[in-house]
Amino acid sequence: MAELYTPVAGLAPVLRQDAVSIQKTAPLARLSFRGRAEAQAAVAGALGFALPQTPLSAASGAGKAALWLGPDEWLLLAPEAGLEAFEAAVNAAVAGLAASVTDISHRQDAVLVSGPRAAWLMNSGVPIDLALPAFPVGMVTRTLCHKAEVILWRKAEDQFVLECWRTFQPYVLEHLLDAARELSAA
């Protein structure tokens, strides 16, 4: 599967150090989906893969991803260019069922935090244990980063996706850059 979270072409990284980097990602289609078992099965059919049912997990395939956010809530991701078709397919799948599908594509953005000190940098503002045994590759959670609500997804041992509301992103990035200055001084 092609990676959904790709750096914005031609845009310099927000931060580039030997131990860590932060890059803004290209826009994505983002749908907030809520529904019970029947609606979940219908959405799985539209996605081409089953929604993750295990807390703190993600599933992907067919160029899309689904992040588990709660017992009946998922963040559905797809390439931005296919937003209208993606939204139409999900809405058609749940037609007549008790479900909610909301386009939140313009509400949030994401950054990639990568490098051998990525977990250290993220822990400067995220109050959960990001050591690999406690937060393994593939784990996803809704949490706080410097008082802003975020979604954090560990994509690799040394790479995190940090999703947050666009209006909070400058605040979150400012605090991460401050922490990175401390890291570079250490």
N, C-alpha and C. Protein backbone atom coordinates (compact mmCIF):
# COMPACT_ATOMS: atom_id res chain seq x y z
N MET A 1 0.84 -1.19 0.00
CA MET A 1 0.00 0.00 0.00
C MET A 1 0.88 1.24 0.00
N ALA A 2 0.54 2.21 -0.80
CA ALA A 2 1.24 3.49 -0.78
C ALA A 2 1.00 4.16 0.56
N GLU A 3 2.00 4.81 1.06
CA GLU A 3 1.91 5.48 2.35
C GLU A 3 0.97 6.68 2.25
N LEU A 4 0.02 6.77 3.17
CA LEU A 4 -0.92 7.90 3.18
C LEU A 4 -0.24 9.19 3.63
N TYR A 5 0.58 9.08 4.65
CA TYR A 5 1.22 10.28 5.22
C TYR A 5 2.54 10.53 4.51
N THR A 6 2.50 11.44 3.54
CA THR A 6 3.71 11.80 2.80
C THR A 6 4.02 13.27 3.06
N PRO A 7 5.31 13.61 3.16
CA PRO A 7 5.66 15.02 3.36
C PRO A 7 5.16 15.87 2.19
N VAL A 8 4.84 17.11 2.49
CA VAL A 8 4.40 18.05 1.45
C VAL A 8 5.56 18.26 0.49
N ALA A 9 5.33 17.99 -0.78
CA ALA A 9 6.38 18.14 -1.79
C ALA A 9 6.88 19.57 -1.86
N GLY A 10 8.19 19.73 -1.85
CA GLY A 10 8.80 21.04 -1.99
C GLY A 10 8.81 21.88 -0.73
N LEU A 11 8.25 21.40 0.37
CA LEU A 11 8.21 22.16 1.62
C LEU A 11 9.34 21.67 2.52
N ALA A 12 10.15 22.60 2.97
CA ALA A 12 11.24 22.25 3.87
C ALA A 12 10.68 21.70 5.17
N PRO A 13 11.40 20.77 5.81
CA PRO A 13 10.94 20.26 7.10
C PRO A 13 10.79 21.39 8.12
N VAL A 14 9.86 21.22 9.02
CA VAL A 14 9.68 22.17 10.11
C VAL A 14 10.92 22.14 11.00
N LEU A 15 11.50 20.95 11.14
CA LEU A 15 12.70 20.74 11.94
C LEU A 15 13.53 19.64 11.31
N ARG A 16 14.81 19.85 11.24
CA ARG A 16 15.73 18.80 10.79
C ARG A 16 16.96 18.84 11.68
N GLN A 17 17.11 17.82 12.49
CA GLN A 17 18.30 17.63 13.32
C GLN A 17 18.80 16.21 13.06
N ASP A 18 20.00 15.93 13.54
CA ASP A 18 20.52 14.57 13.36
C ASP A 18 19.63 13.52 14.02
N ALA A 19 19.07 13.86 15.19
CA ALA A 19 18.33 12.87 15.98
C ALA A 19 16.82 12.89 15.74
N VAL A 20 16.30 13.95 15.13
CA VAL A 20 14.85 14.04 14.97
C VAL A 20 14.49 15.04 13.88
N SER A 21 13.37 14.77 13.20
CA SER A 21 12.86 15.72 12.21
C SER A 21 11.34 15.79 12.33
N ILE A 22 10.80 16.93 11.90
CA ILE A 22 9.35 17.12 11.85
C ILE A 22 9.02 17.62 10.45
N GLN A 23 8.07 16.93 9.79
CA GLN A 23 7.66 17.32 8.44
C GLN A 23 6.15 17.39 8.38
N LYS A 24 5.64 18.46 7.76
CA LYS A 24 4.20 18.54 7.52
C LYS A 24 3.84 17.55 6.43
N THR A 25 2.64 16.98 6.53
CA THR A 25 2.21 15.99 5.55
C THR A 25 1.19 16.58 4.59
N ALA A 26 1.11 15.95 3.43
CA ALA A 26 0.14 16.37 2.42
C ALA A 26 -1.27 16.16 2.95
N PRO A 27 -2.23 16.96 2.48
CA PRO A 27 -3.62 16.82 2.94
C PRO A 27 -4.18 15.42 2.64
N LEU A 28 -5.11 15.01 3.49
CA LEU A 28 -5.79 13.73 3.33
C LEU A 28 -7.30 13.93 3.42
N ALA A 29 -8.03 12.95 2.91
CA ALA A 29 -9.47 12.88 3.16
C ALA A 29 -9.61 12.23 4.53
N ARG A 30 -10.36 12.88 5.41
CA ARG A 30 -10.57 12.37 6.77
C ARG A 30 -12.06 12.34 7.06
N LEU A 31 -12.54 11.17 7.42
CA LEU A 31 -13.94 11.02 7.80
C LEU A 31 -13.99 10.51 9.23
N SER A 32 -14.83 11.13 10.03
CA SER A 32 -15.12 10.62 11.36
C SER A 32 -16.32 9.71 11.21
N PHE A 33 -16.16 8.45 11.62
CA PHE A 33 -17.25 7.48 11.52
C PHE A 33 -17.60 6.95 12.90
N ARG A 34 -18.90 6.93 13.18
CA ARG A 34 -19.41 6.32 14.41
C ARG A 34 -20.57 5.42 14.02
N GLY A 35 -20.58 4.22 14.58
CA GLY A 35 -21.66 3.29 14.30
C GLY A 35 -21.48 1.98 15.03
N ARG A 36 -22.57 1.25 15.13
CA ARG A 36 -22.55 -0.06 15.79
C ARG A 36 -22.19 -1.15 14.79
N ALA A 37 -22.29 -2.39 15.22
CA ALA A 37 -21.80 -3.54 14.45
C ALA A 37 -22.28 -3.59 13.00
N GLU A 38 -23.57 -3.39 12.77
CA GLU A 38 -24.09 -3.48 11.40
C GLU A 38 -23.48 -2.39 10.51
N ALA A 39 -23.38 -1.19 11.04
CA ALA A 39 -22.77 -0.09 10.27
C ALA A 39 -21.28 -0.32 10.10
N GLN A 40 -20.63 -0.87 11.10
CA GLN A 40 -19.19 -1.16 11.00
C GLN A 40 -18.92 -2.16 9.88
N ALA A 41 -19.76 -3.20 9.80
CA ALA A 41 -19.59 -4.19 8.73
C ALA A 41 -19.82 -3.56 7.36
N ALA A 42 -20.79 -2.66 7.27
CA ALA A 42 -21.06 -1.99 6.00
C ALA A 42 -19.88 -1.10 5.59
N VAL A 43 -19.31 -0.37 6.53
CA VAL A 43 -18.16 0.49 6.23
C VAL A 43 -16.95 -0.37 5.85
N ALA A 44 -16.77 -1.49 6.52
CA ALA A 44 -15.67 -2.39 6.16
C ALA A 44 -15.78 -2.81 4.70
N GLY A 45 -17.01 -3.07 4.26
CA GLY A 45 -17.22 -3.42 2.85
C GLY A 45 -16.82 -2.30 1.92
N ALA A 46 -17.12 -1.07 2.30
CA ALA A 46 -16.76 0.09 1.48
C ALA A 46 -15.25 0.33 1.47
N LEU A 47 -14.60 0.04 2.60
CA LEU A 47 -13.15 0.26 2.69
C LEU A 47 -12.35 -0.83 1.99
N GLY A 48 -12.88 -2.06 2.04
CA GLY A 48 -12.14 -3.19 1.50
C GLY A 48 -11.34 -3.92 2.56
N PHE A 49 -11.53 -3.56 3.82
CA PHE A 49 -10.86 -4.25 4.94
C PHE A 49 -11.68 -4.00 6.21
N ALA A 50 -11.51 -4.85 7.18
CA ALA A 50 -12.26 -4.75 8.43
C ALA A 50 -11.77 -3.58 9.27
N LEU A 51 -12.69 -2.91 9.92
CA LEU A 51 -12.32 -1.87 10.86
C LEU A 51 -11.59 -2.51 12.03
N PRO A 52 -10.57 -1.84 12.58
CA PRO A 52 -9.90 -2.41 13.74
C PRO A 52 -10.88 -2.45 14.92
N GLN A 53 -10.92 -3.57 15.61
CA GLN A 53 -11.80 -3.74 16.76
C GLN A 53 -11.03 -3.73 18.08
N THR A 54 -9.73 -3.82 17.99
CA THR A 54 -8.89 -3.81 19.18
C THR A 54 -8.59 -2.37 19.56
N PRO A 55 -8.82 -2.01 20.81
CA PRO A 55 -8.49 -0.63 21.22
C PRO A 55 -7.04 -0.28 20.89
N LEU A 56 -6.85 0.98 20.52
CA LEU A 56 -5.52 1.55 20.26
C LEU A 56 -4.84 0.97 19.03
N SER A 57 -5.63 0.54 18.04
CA SER A 57 -5.03 -0.07 16.86
C SER A 57 -5.51 0.62 15.58
N ALA A 58 -4.90 0.23 14.49
CA ALA A 58 -5.24 0.76 13.16
C ALA A 58 -5.28 -0.40 12.18
N ALA A 59 -5.97 -0.20 11.09
CA ALA A 59 -5.99 -1.17 9.99
C ALA A 59 -5.86 -0.38 8.70
N SER A 60 -5.27 -1.01 7.69
CA SER A 60 -5.13 -0.31 6.41
C SER A 60 -5.16 -1.30 5.27
N GLY A 61 -5.40 -0.76 4.10
CA GLY A 61 -5.44 -1.54 2.88
C GLY A 61 -6.12 -0.73 1.80
N ALA A 62 -5.90 -1.11 0.56
CA ALA A 62 -6.53 -0.46 -0.58
C ALA A 62 -6.32 1.06 -0.57
N GLY A 63 -5.15 1.51 -0.08
CA GLY A 63 -4.83 2.94 -0.08
C GLY A 63 -5.59 3.75 0.96
N LYS A 64 -6.15 3.08 1.97
CA LYS A 64 -6.92 3.76 3.01
C LYS A 64 -6.47 3.24 4.38
N ALA A 65 -6.92 3.92 5.43
CA ALA A 65 -6.63 3.46 6.79
C ALA A 65 -7.81 3.80 7.69
N ALA A 66 -7.93 3.04 8.77
CA ALA A 66 -8.95 3.28 9.79
C ALA A 66 -8.27 3.21 11.14
N LEU A 67 -8.43 4.26 11.93
CA LEU A 67 -7.83 4.32 13.26
C LEU A 67 -8.93 4.19 14.31
N TRP A 68 -8.77 3.24 15.23
CA TRP A 68 -9.74 3.02 16.31
C TRP A 68 -9.59 4.16 17.31
N LEU A 69 -10.66 4.90 17.56
CA LEU A 69 -10.63 5.99 18.53
C LEU A 69 -11.52 5.72 19.73
N GLY A 70 -12.42 4.77 19.63
CA GLY A 70 -13.32 4.43 20.72
C GLY A 70 -14.13 3.22 20.32
N PRO A 71 -14.94 2.68 21.24
CA PRO A 71 -15.69 1.46 20.95
C PRO A 71 -16.59 1.55 19.72
N ASP A 72 -17.02 2.74 19.35
CA ASP A 72 -17.86 2.88 18.15
C ASP A 72 -17.41 4.07 17.30
N GLU A 73 -16.09 4.38 17.34
CA GLU A 73 -15.60 5.56 16.64
C GLU A 73 -14.27 5.29 15.95
N TRP A 74 -14.18 5.71 14.69
CA TRP A 74 -12.96 5.52 13.89
C TRP A 74 -12.67 6.79 13.09
N LEU A 75 -11.40 7.02 12.84
CA LEU A 75 -10.96 8.03 11.89
C LEU A 75 -10.61 7.28 10.62
N LEU A 76 -11.32 7.60 9.53
CA LEU A 76 -11.10 6.95 8.25
C LEU A 76 -10.26 7.88 7.37
N LEU A 77 -9.22 7.34 6.76
CA LEU A 77 -8.28 8.14 5.97
C LEU A 77 -8.17 7.60 4.55
N ALA A 78 -8.03 8.52 3.61
CA ALA A 78 -7.85 8.16 2.20
C ALA A 78 -7.13 9.32 1.52
N PRO A 79 -6.61 9.10 0.31
CA PRO A 79 -5.98 10.21 -0.41
C PRO A 79 -6.98 11.36 -0.62
N GLU A 80 -6.51 12.58 -0.52
CA GLU A 80 -7.38 13.75 -0.63
C GLU A 80 -8.09 13.82 -1.98
N ALA A 81 -7.42 13.43 -3.03
CA ALA A 81 -8.01 13.52 -4.37
C ALA A 81 -9.29 12.70 -4.51
N GLY A 82 -9.44 11.68 -3.68
CA GLY A 82 -10.62 10.84 -3.77
C GLY A 82 -11.66 11.11 -2.70
N LEU A 83 -11.63 12.31 -2.08
CA LEU A 83 -12.53 12.61 -0.97
C LEU A 83 -14.00 12.41 -1.33
N GLU A 84 -14.45 12.98 -2.42
CA GLU A 84 -15.88 12.90 -2.76
C GLU A 84 -16.33 11.46 -2.96
N ALA A 85 -15.56 10.69 -3.68
CA ALA A 85 -15.91 9.29 -3.91
C ALA A 85 -15.83 8.48 -2.62
N PHE A 86 -14.83 8.76 -1.81
CA PHE A 86 -14.64 8.08 -0.53
C PHE A 86 -15.84 8.35 0.39
N GLU A 87 -16.19 9.61 0.52
CA GLU A 87 -17.32 9.98 1.38
C GLU A 87 -18.63 9.39 0.85
N ALA A 88 -18.82 9.45 -0.46
CA ALA A 88 -20.04 8.90 -1.06
C ALA A 88 -20.14 7.39 -0.82
N ALA A 89 -19.02 6.67 -0.95
CA ALA A 89 -19.02 5.22 -0.74
C ALA A 89 -19.35 4.86 0.70
N VAL A 90 -18.77 5.60 1.64
CA VAL A 90 -19.04 5.31 3.06
C VAL A 90 -20.48 5.66 3.40
N ASN A 91 -20.96 6.81 2.92
CA ASN A 91 -22.36 7.19 3.18
C ASN A 91 -23.34 6.19 2.55
N ALA A 92 -23.05 5.73 1.35
CA ALA A 92 -23.92 4.75 0.71
C ALA A 92 -23.93 3.44 1.50
N ALA A 93 -22.78 3.07 2.04
CA ALA A 93 -22.69 1.82 2.80
C ALA A 93 -23.56 1.85 4.05
N VAL A 94 -23.67 3.01 4.68
CA VAL A 94 -24.42 3.09 5.95
C VAL A 94 -25.83 3.66 5.77
N ALA A 95 -26.24 3.87 4.53
CA ALA A 95 -27.58 4.41 4.28
C ALA A 95 -28.63 3.55 4.98
N GLY A 96 -29.49 4.19 5.75
CA GLY A 96 -30.55 3.49 6.45
C GLY A 96 -30.14 2.88 7.77
N LEU A 97 -28.86 2.97 8.11
CA LEU A 97 -28.36 2.42 9.37
C LEU A 97 -28.11 3.55 10.37
N ALA A 98 -28.13 3.22 11.64
CA ALA A 98 -27.81 4.21 12.67
C ALA A 98 -26.30 4.42 12.68
N ALA A 99 -25.86 5.48 12.03
CA ALA A 99 -24.43 5.75 11.90
C ALA A 99 -24.23 7.23 11.62
N SER A 100 -23.02 7.68 11.86
CA SER A 100 -22.65 9.06 11.59
C SER A 100 -21.36 9.07 10.78
N VAL A 101 -21.36 9.81 9.68
CA VAL A 101 -20.17 9.99 8.85
C VAL A 101 -20.01 11.49 8.65
N THR A 102 -18.88 12.03 9.10
CA THR A 102 -18.65 13.47 9.01
C THR A 102 -17.30 13.73 8.36
N ASP A 103 -17.29 14.58 7.35
CA ASP A 103 -16.04 14.98 6.69
C ASP A 103 -15.32 15.97 7.60
N ILE A 104 -14.15 15.58 8.09
CA ILE A 104 -13.33 16.47 8.94
C ILE A 104 -11.99 16.76 8.27
N SER A 105 -11.96 16.62 6.95
CA SER A 105 -10.71 16.80 6.21
C SER A 105 -10.07 18.16 6.44
N HIS A 106 -10.88 19.20 6.55
CA HIS A 106 -10.32 20.54 6.71
C HIS A 106 -10.11 20.92 8.16
N ARG A 107 -10.48 20.04 9.07
CA ARG A 107 -10.32 20.34 10.49
C ARG A 107 -8.92 20.04 11.00
N GLN A 108 -8.31 18.99 10.49
CA GLN A 108 -7.02 18.60 11.02
C GLN A 108 -5.95 18.46 9.96
N ASP A 109 -4.73 18.50 10.46
CA ASP A 109 -3.53 18.27 9.67
C ASP A 109 -2.65 17.31 10.45
N ALA A 110 -1.60 16.85 9.80
CA ALA A 110 -0.69 15.92 10.46
C ALA A 110 0.75 16.31 10.18
N VAL A 111 1.61 15.89 11.08
CA VAL A 111 3.05 15.99 10.89
C VAL A 111 3.66 14.63 11.16
N LEU A 112 4.79 14.36 10.51
CA LEU A 112 5.59 13.18 10.78
C LEU A 112 6.74 13.58 11.69
N VAL A 113 6.88 12.89 12.79
CA VAL A 113 8.01 13.10 13.70
C VAL A 113 8.86 11.84 13.61
N SER A 114 10.09 12.00 13.10
CA SER A 114 10.94 10.84 12.81
C SER A 114 12.33 11.01 13.37
N GLY A 115 12.99 9.89 13.58
CA GLY A 115 14.38 9.89 14.00
C GLY A 115 14.56 9.12 15.29
N PRO A 116 15.83 8.83 15.63
CA PRO A 116 16.10 8.03 16.82
C PRO A 116 15.62 8.67 18.13
N ARG A 117 15.41 9.98 18.13
CA ARG A 117 14.92 10.64 19.35
C ARG A 117 13.47 11.12 19.21
N ALA A 118 12.73 10.54 18.26
CA ALA A 118 11.34 10.94 18.03
C ALA A 118 10.48 10.69 19.26
N ALA A 119 10.64 9.54 19.90
CA ALA A 119 9.84 9.24 21.10
C ALA A 119 10.18 10.23 22.21
N TRP A 120 11.45 10.55 22.36
CA TRP A 120 11.85 11.53 23.39
C TRP A 120 11.17 12.86 23.12
N LEU A 121 11.21 13.31 21.87
CA LEU A 121 10.60 14.59 21.53
C LEU A 121 9.10 14.56 21.78
N MET A 122 8.44 13.49 21.35
CA MET A 122 6.99 13.40 21.58
C MET A 122 6.67 13.38 23.07
N ASN A 123 7.52 12.71 23.87
CA ASN A 123 7.27 12.66 25.31
C ASN A 123 7.50 13.99 26.00
N SER A 124 8.03 14.97 25.29
CA SER A 124 8.15 16.30 25.88
C SER A 124 6.78 16.93 26.09
N GLY A 125 5.77 16.43 25.38
CA GLY A 125 4.44 17.00 25.51
C GLY A 125 3.32 15.99 25.65
N VAL A 126 3.62 14.72 25.41
CA VAL A 126 2.61 13.66 25.49
C VAL A 126 2.80 12.91 26.80
N PRO A 127 1.77 12.91 27.67
CA PRO A 127 1.94 12.35 29.02
C PRO A 127 1.72 10.83 29.12
N ILE A 128 2.08 10.09 28.08
CA ILE A 128 1.99 8.64 28.16
C ILE A 128 3.35 8.04 27.83
N ASP A 129 3.59 6.83 28.27
CA ASP A 129 4.87 6.16 28.04
C ASP A 129 4.98 5.78 26.57
N LEU A 130 5.94 6.36 25.86
CA LEU A 130 6.13 6.07 24.45
C LEU A 130 7.30 5.14 24.20
N ALA A 131 7.82 4.51 25.27
CA ALA A 131 8.84 3.49 25.08
C ALA A 131 8.24 2.39 24.21
N LEU A 132 9.05 1.78 23.38
CA LEU A 132 8.57 0.79 22.41
C LEU A 132 7.75 -0.34 23.05
N PRO A 133 8.15 -0.91 24.19
CA PRO A 133 7.32 -1.97 24.78
C PRO A 133 5.92 -1.48 25.22
N ALA A 134 5.83 -0.23 25.64
CA ALA A 134 4.56 0.32 26.12
C ALA A 134 3.70 0.87 24.99
N PHE A 135 4.33 1.36 23.94
CA PHE A 135 3.62 1.97 22.81
C PHE A 135 4.25 1.41 21.52
N PRO A 136 3.88 0.17 21.16
CA PRO A 136 4.54 -0.50 20.02
C PRO A 136 4.13 0.07 18.66
N VAL A 137 4.87 -0.33 17.66
CA VAL A 137 4.57 0.06 16.28
C VAL A 137 3.14 -0.37 15.95
N GLY A 138 2.38 0.54 15.36
CA GLY A 138 0.99 0.28 14.99
C GLY A 138 -0.01 0.80 15.99
N MET A 139 0.44 1.13 17.19
CA MET A 139 -0.48 1.62 18.22
C MET A 139 -0.91 3.05 17.89
N VAL A 140 -2.19 3.35 18.17
CA VAL A 140 -2.74 4.68 17.92
C VAL A 140 -3.59 5.07 19.12
N THR A 141 -3.53 6.34 19.50
CA THR A 141 -4.34 6.80 20.62
C THR A 141 -4.69 8.27 20.46
N ARG A 142 -5.79 8.61 21.07
CA ARG A 142 -6.13 10.03 21.21
C ARG A 142 -5.57 10.44 22.56
N THR A 143 -4.83 11.54 22.60
CA THR A 143 -4.20 11.98 23.83
C THR A 143 -4.02 13.49 23.78
N LEU A 144 -3.20 14.01 24.66
CA LEU A 144 -2.86 15.43 24.67
C LEU A 144 -1.40 15.61 24.30
N CYS A 145 -1.10 16.71 23.66
CA CYS A 145 0.28 17.13 23.41
C CYS A 145 0.33 18.61 23.77
N HIS A 146 0.97 18.91 24.88
CA HIS A 146 1.03 20.29 25.37
C HIS A 146 -0.37 20.91 25.44
N LYS A 147 -1.31 20.22 26.04
CA LYS A 147 -2.68 20.65 26.30
C LYS A 147 -3.60 20.66 25.08
N ALA A 148 -3.10 20.28 23.92
CA ALA A 148 -3.93 20.22 22.71
C ALA A 148 -4.29 18.76 22.45
N GLU A 149 -5.55 18.51 22.09
CA GLU A 149 -5.96 17.14 21.76
C GLU A 149 -5.32 16.73 20.45
N VAL A 150 -4.73 15.53 20.43
CA VAL A 150 -4.08 15.00 19.23
C VAL A 150 -4.42 13.53 19.07
N ILE A 151 -4.13 13.01 17.90
CA ILE A 151 -4.14 11.58 17.65
C ILE A 151 -2.70 11.22 17.33
N LEU A 152 -2.17 10.24 18.03
CA LEU A 152 -0.78 9.83 17.86
C LEU A 152 -0.75 8.38 17.38
N TRP A 153 -0.04 8.15 16.26
CA TRP A 153 0.05 6.82 15.66
C TRP A 153 1.52 6.51 15.45
N ARG A 154 1.99 5.43 16.07
CA ARG A 154 3.38 5.02 15.88
C ARG A 154 3.44 4.17 14.61
N LYS A 155 4.08 4.71 13.58
CA LYS A 155 4.18 4.05 12.29
C LYS A 155 5.41 3.15 12.17
N ALA A 156 6.46 3.46 12.92
CA ALA A 156 7.70 2.68 12.92
C ALA A 156 8.37 2.92 14.27
N GLU A 157 9.42 2.16 14.54
CA GLU A 157 10.10 2.34 15.82
C GLU A 157 10.50 3.79 16.05
N ASP A 158 10.89 4.46 14.96
CA ASP A 158 11.39 5.83 15.09
C ASP A 158 10.53 6.85 14.34
N GLN A 159 9.23 6.54 14.17
CA GLN A 159 8.37 7.48 13.44
C GLN A 159 6.95 7.50 14.01
N PHE A 160 6.46 8.72 14.23
CA PHE A 160 5.11 8.95 14.72
C PHE A 160 4.37 9.87 13.76
N VAL A 161 3.08 9.65 13.63
CA VAL A 161 2.19 10.60 12.97
C VAL A 161 1.45 11.32 14.09
N LEU A 162 1.45 12.63 14.03
CA LEU A 162 0.76 13.45 15.02
C LEU A 162 -0.33 14.23 14.29
N GLU A 163 -1.59 13.85 14.52
CA GLU A 163 -2.75 14.52 13.93
C GLU A 163 -3.30 15.50 14.95
N CYS A 164 -3.56 16.74 14.53
CA CYS A 164 -4.23 17.68 15.44
C CYS A 164 -5.03 18.69 14.62
N TRP A 165 -5.92 19.37 15.33
CA TRP A 165 -6.71 20.40 14.67
C TRP A 165 -5.77 21.46 14.10
N ARG A 166 -6.09 21.96 12.92
CA ARG A 166 -5.25 22.96 12.26
C ARG A 166 -5.00 24.18 13.13
N THR A 167 -6.01 24.59 13.88
CA THR A 167 -5.84 25.79 14.70
C THR A 167 -4.88 25.57 15.85
N PHE A 168 -4.67 24.31 16.25
CA PHE A 168 -3.75 24.01 17.35
C PHE A 168 -2.35 23.64 16.86
N GLN A 169 -2.20 23.36 15.57
CA GLN A 169 -0.91 22.90 15.09
C GLN A 169 0.24 23.89 15.34
N PRO A 170 0.07 25.19 15.11
CA PRO A 170 1.19 26.10 15.42
C PRO A 170 1.61 26.04 16.90
N TYR A 171 0.62 25.93 17.79
CA TYR A 171 0.90 25.82 19.23
C TYR A 171 1.70 24.55 19.53
N VAL A 172 1.24 23.41 19.00
CA VAL A 172 1.92 22.14 19.24
C VAL A 172 3.33 22.18 18.66
N LEU A 173 3.46 22.67 17.43
CA LEU A 173 4.79 22.73 16.81
C LEU A 173 5.73 23.65 17.56
N GLU A 174 5.24 24.76 18.06
CA GLU A 174 6.09 25.68 18.82
C GLU A 174 6.69 24.97 20.04
N HIS A 175 5.87 24.21 20.75
CA HIS A 175 6.36 23.49 21.93
C HIS A 175 7.32 22.36 21.54
N LEU A 176 7.05 21.67 20.46
CA LEU A 176 7.96 20.62 20.01
C LEU A 176 9.30 21.22 19.57
N LEU A 177 9.27 22.38 18.92
CA LEU A 177 10.52 23.03 18.51
C LEU A 177 11.30 23.48 19.72
N ASP A 178 10.62 23.98 20.76
CA ASP A 178 11.31 24.35 22.01
C ASP A 178 12.00 23.12 22.61
N ALA A 179 11.29 22.01 22.65
CA ALA A 179 11.88 20.78 23.20
C ALA A 179 13.04 20.30 22.33
N ALA A 180 12.93 20.47 21.03
CA ALA A 180 14.02 20.05 20.13
C ALA A 180 15.27 20.89 20.36
N ARG A 181 15.10 22.18 20.69
CA ARG A 181 16.26 23.03 21.02
C ARG A 181 16.96 22.48 22.27
N GLU A 182 16.17 22.03 23.23
CA GLU A 182 16.74 21.43 24.43
C GLU A 182 17.48 20.14 24.07
N LEU A 183 16.88 19.34 23.19
CA LEU A 183 17.52 18.10 22.75
C LEU A 183 18.85 18.39 22.07
N SER A 184 18.88 19.40 21.21
CA SER A 184 20.13 19.70 20.50
C SER A 184 21.19 20.27 21.42
N ALA A 185 20.77 20.87 22.53
CA ALA A 185 21.73 21.42 23.50
C ALA A 185 22.28 20.34 24.43
N ALA A 186 21.58 19.21 24.50
CA ALA A 186 22.01 18.13 25.42
C ALA A 186 23.18 17.36 24.88
